[in-house]
């Protein structure tokens, strides 16, 4: 029997959708959702709270520069979409 996947807890604060890690306490991602699609600047975080990745969406599609961060939250890779 397959284990059911529990959806991430989320809430909207000041227009930003914030999703939480499985523990329900630390932020997993945050950014705006417009018409059901990510739009504008988004950030993702590790379970310890350090930033993992950031970038821009335009109507659900990743655009521009995306930054990946090391375990200490320092940028180490930038890619263009």
N, C-alpha and C. Protein backbone atom coordinates (compact mmCIF):
# COMPACT_ATOMS: atom_id res chain seq x y z
N UNK A 1 0.84 -1.18 0.00
CA UNK A 1 0.00 0.00 0.00
C UNK A 1 0.89 1.24 0.00
N UNK A 2 0.65 2.14 -0.92
CA UNK A 2 1.46 3.35 -1.04
C UNK A 2 1.12 4.32 0.09
N UNK A 3 2.16 5.00 0.55
CA UNK A 3 1.97 6.00 1.60
C UNK A 3 1.35 7.25 0.99
N UNK A 4 0.34 7.77 1.62
CA UNK A 4 -0.32 8.98 1.12
C UNK A 4 0.60 10.18 1.32
N UNK A 5 0.62 11.05 0.33
CA UNK A 5 1.42 12.27 0.44
C UNK A 5 0.54 13.36 1.02
N UNK A 6 0.99 13.92 2.12
CA UNK A 6 0.25 14.99 2.77
C UNK A 6 0.60 16.31 2.10
N UNK A 7 -0.40 17.08 1.66
CA UNK A 7 -0.07 18.36 1.05
C UNK A 7 0.62 19.29 2.07
N UNK A 8 1.51 20.14 1.55
CA UNK A 8 2.21 21.07 2.43
C UNK A 8 1.22 22.09 2.98
N UNK A 9 1.39 22.42 4.25
CA UNK A 9 0.59 23.47 4.87
C UNK A 9 0.95 24.78 4.16
N UNK A 10 -0.05 25.58 3.86
CA UNK A 10 0.21 26.87 3.23
C UNK A 10 -0.78 27.91 3.74
N UNK A 11 -0.37 29.16 3.60
CA UNK A 11 -1.24 30.27 3.96
C UNK A 11 -0.83 31.48 3.12
N UNK A 12 -1.72 32.45 3.02
CA UNK A 12 -1.43 33.67 2.28
C UNK A 12 -1.31 34.81 3.29
N UNK A 13 -0.15 35.48 3.26
CA UNK A 13 0.11 36.62 4.16
C UNK A 13 0.57 37.79 3.30
N UNK A 14 -0.13 38.91 3.40
CA UNK A 14 0.21 40.11 2.61
C UNK A 14 0.37 39.80 1.13
N UNK A 15 -0.49 38.94 0.60
CA UNK A 15 -0.49 38.63 -0.83
C UNK A 15 0.51 37.56 -1.24
N UNK A 16 1.36 37.10 -0.31
CA UNK A 16 2.32 36.05 -0.63
C UNK A 16 1.81 34.71 -0.12
N UNK A 17 1.96 33.68 -0.96
CA UNK A 17 1.63 32.33 -0.54
C UNK A 17 2.87 31.75 0.13
N UNK A 18 2.71 31.28 1.35
CA UNK A 18 3.81 30.69 2.10
C UNK A 18 3.49 29.22 2.32
N UNK A 19 4.39 28.34 1.86
CA UNK A 19 4.23 26.91 2.06
C UNK A 19 5.29 26.46 3.06
N UNK A 20 4.92 25.47 3.87
CA UNK A 20 5.79 25.01 4.95
C UNK A 20 6.30 23.60 4.70
N UNK A 21 7.47 23.30 5.25
CA UNK A 21 8.00 21.93 5.23
C UNK A 21 7.02 21.01 5.95
N UNK A 22 7.23 19.72 5.85
CA UNK A 22 6.33 18.72 6.44
C UNK A 22 6.14 18.93 7.94
N UNK A 23 7.14 19.55 8.62
CA UNK A 23 6.99 19.79 10.05
C UNK A 23 5.95 20.86 10.36
N UNK A 24 5.50 21.58 9.32
CA UNK A 24 4.46 22.60 9.50
C UNK A 24 4.95 23.88 10.13
N UNK A 25 6.25 24.00 10.39
CA UNK A 25 6.78 25.16 11.10
C UNK A 25 7.75 26.00 10.26
N UNK A 26 8.69 25.34 9.57
CA UNK A 26 9.67 26.11 8.81
C UNK A 26 9.19 26.32 7.37
N UNK A 27 9.45 27.51 6.85
CA UNK A 27 9.00 27.88 5.51
C UNK A 27 9.75 27.08 4.46
N UNK A 28 9.02 26.52 3.50
CA UNK A 28 9.58 25.80 2.37
C UNK A 28 9.70 26.74 1.17
N UNK A 29 8.65 27.54 0.90
CA UNK A 29 8.70 28.48 -0.21
C UNK A 29 7.75 29.63 0.05
N UNK A 30 8.03 30.75 -0.65
CA UNK A 30 7.10 31.87 -0.56
C UNK A 30 7.18 32.72 -1.81
N UNK A 31 6.02 33.22 -2.23
CA UNK A 31 5.90 34.08 -3.39
C UNK A 31 4.44 34.28 -3.75
N UNK A 32 4.19 35.06 -4.76
CA UNK A 32 2.81 35.36 -5.16
C UNK A 32 2.29 34.33 -6.16
N UNK A 33 1.01 34.03 -6.04
CA UNK A 33 0.32 33.18 -7.00
C UNK A 33 -0.81 34.01 -7.60
N UNK A 34 -0.80 34.12 -8.93
CA UNK A 34 -1.83 34.88 -9.63
C UNK A 34 -2.49 33.94 -10.63
N UNK A 35 -3.81 33.86 -10.56
CA UNK A 35 -4.58 32.95 -11.43
C UNK A 35 -4.06 31.52 -11.35
N UNK A 36 -3.68 31.08 -10.15
CA UNK A 36 -3.25 29.71 -9.92
C UNK A 36 -1.82 29.40 -10.33
N UNK A 37 -1.05 30.42 -10.77
CA UNK A 37 0.32 30.20 -11.21
C UNK A 37 1.28 31.11 -10.44
N UNK A 38 2.50 30.61 -10.16
CA UNK A 38 3.48 31.48 -9.50
C UNK A 38 3.81 32.66 -10.41
N UNK A 39 3.95 33.84 -9.81
CA UNK A 39 4.24 35.05 -10.57
C UNK A 39 5.10 35.97 -9.72
N UNK A 40 6.15 36.53 -10.33
CA UNK A 40 7.05 37.42 -9.60
C UNK A 40 8.14 36.64 -8.88
N UNK A 41 8.72 37.28 -7.87
CA UNK A 41 9.86 36.72 -7.15
C UNK A 41 9.44 35.63 -6.16
N UNK A 42 10.17 34.50 -6.17
CA UNK A 42 9.93 33.38 -5.27
C UNK A 42 11.22 32.98 -4.59
N UNK A 43 11.09 32.43 -3.37
CA UNK A 43 12.24 31.88 -2.63
C UNK A 43 11.87 30.51 -2.07
N UNK A 44 12.87 29.61 -2.01
CA UNK A 44 12.72 28.30 -1.37
C UNK A 44 13.77 28.19 -0.27
N UNK A 45 13.42 27.44 0.79
CA UNK A 45 14.28 27.34 1.96
C UNK A 45 14.51 25.89 2.35
N UNK A 46 15.63 25.65 2.99
CA UNK A 46 15.92 24.34 3.57
C UNK A 46 15.17 24.21 4.89
N UNK A 47 15.14 23.00 5.39
CA UNK A 47 14.44 22.73 6.67
C UNK A 47 15.03 23.53 7.82
N UNK A 48 16.33 23.89 7.73
CA UNK A 48 16.95 24.68 8.82
C UNK A 48 16.70 26.18 8.67
N UNK A 49 15.99 26.57 7.61
CA UNK A 49 15.63 27.97 7.43
C UNK A 49 16.54 28.76 6.49
N UNK A 50 17.67 28.17 6.05
CA UNK A 50 18.54 28.89 5.13
C UNK A 50 17.94 28.87 3.72
N UNK A 51 18.18 29.95 2.99
CA UNK A 51 17.65 30.04 1.63
C UNK A 51 18.36 29.02 0.74
N UNK A 52 17.59 28.41 -0.14
CA UNK A 52 18.11 27.37 -1.04
C UNK A 52 18.14 27.85 -2.49
N UNK A 53 17.08 28.55 -2.92
CA UNK A 53 16.97 28.98 -4.31
C UNK A 53 16.04 30.18 -4.39
N UNK A 54 16.28 31.02 -5.40
CA UNK A 54 15.38 32.15 -5.63
C UNK A 54 15.33 32.46 -7.12
N UNK A 55 14.20 33.01 -7.55
CA UNK A 55 14.06 33.38 -8.95
C UNK A 55 12.70 33.97 -9.24
N UNK A 56 12.54 34.35 -10.49
CA UNK A 56 11.32 35.02 -10.95
C UNK A 56 10.47 34.10 -11.82
N UNK A 57 9.17 34.27 -11.68
CA UNK A 57 8.21 33.61 -12.57
C UNK A 57 7.43 34.68 -13.31
N UNK A 58 7.02 34.34 -14.52
CA UNK A 58 6.12 35.19 -15.28
C UNK A 58 4.97 34.30 -15.73
N UNK A 59 3.81 34.47 -15.08
CA UNK A 59 2.62 33.65 -15.37
C UNK A 59 2.92 32.16 -15.36
N UNK A 60 3.68 31.70 -14.36
CA UNK A 60 3.96 30.28 -14.17
C UNK A 60 5.24 29.78 -14.79
N UNK A 61 5.88 30.58 -15.64
CA UNK A 61 7.11 30.15 -16.30
C UNK A 61 8.32 30.82 -15.65
N UNK A 62 9.38 30.03 -15.33
CA UNK A 62 10.59 30.64 -14.77
C UNK A 62 11.27 31.53 -15.81
N UNK A 63 11.69 32.74 -15.40
CA UNK A 63 12.34 33.69 -16.30
C UNK A 63 13.53 34.34 -15.60
N UNK A 64 14.46 34.85 -16.39
CA UNK A 64 15.57 35.64 -15.85
C UNK A 64 16.57 34.82 -15.06
N UNK A 65 17.25 35.51 -14.15
CA UNK A 65 18.29 34.87 -13.34
C UNK A 65 17.69 34.11 -12.16
N UNK A 66 18.19 32.89 -11.95
CA UNK A 66 17.83 32.06 -10.81
C UNK A 66 19.10 31.79 -10.03
N UNK A 67 19.03 31.97 -8.72
CA UNK A 67 20.20 31.80 -7.86
C UNK A 67 20.02 30.59 -6.96
N UNK A 68 21.05 29.75 -6.89
CA UNK A 68 21.09 28.62 -5.97
C UNK A 68 22.10 28.97 -4.89
N UNK A 69 21.76 28.67 -3.64
CA UNK A 69 22.58 29.04 -2.49
C UNK A 69 23.16 27.80 -1.82
N UNK A 70 24.35 27.97 -1.21
CA UNK A 70 24.97 26.86 -0.48
C UNK A 70 24.29 26.68 0.88
N UNK A 71 24.79 25.72 1.66
CA UNK A 71 24.17 25.38 2.95
C UNK A 71 24.19 26.54 3.95
N UNK A 72 25.05 27.53 3.72
CA UNK A 72 25.12 28.69 4.62
C UNK A 72 24.32 29.88 4.10
N UNK A 73 23.66 29.70 2.94
CA UNK A 73 22.84 30.76 2.38
C UNK A 73 23.61 31.73 1.49
N UNK A 74 24.82 31.35 1.07
CA UNK A 74 25.62 32.20 0.18
C UNK A 74 25.40 31.75 -1.26
N UNK A 75 25.20 32.71 -2.19
CA UNK A 75 25.01 32.33 -3.60
C UNK A 75 26.21 31.56 -4.13
N UNK A 76 25.96 30.46 -4.86
CA UNK A 76 27.07 29.75 -5.47
C UNK A 76 26.83 29.43 -6.94
N UNK A 77 25.58 29.59 -7.43
CA UNK A 77 25.33 29.33 -8.84
C UNK A 77 24.18 30.22 -9.32
N UNK A 78 24.37 30.82 -10.50
CA UNK A 78 23.32 31.62 -11.11
C UNK A 78 23.08 31.08 -12.51
N UNK A 79 21.82 30.80 -12.83
CA UNK A 79 21.46 30.33 -14.15
C UNK A 79 20.45 31.27 -14.76
N UNK A 80 20.39 31.32 -16.08
CA UNK A 80 19.41 32.14 -16.79
C UNK A 80 18.37 31.24 -17.42
N UNK A 81 17.12 31.66 -17.32
CA UNK A 81 16.01 30.88 -17.87
C UNK A 81 15.53 31.50 -19.16
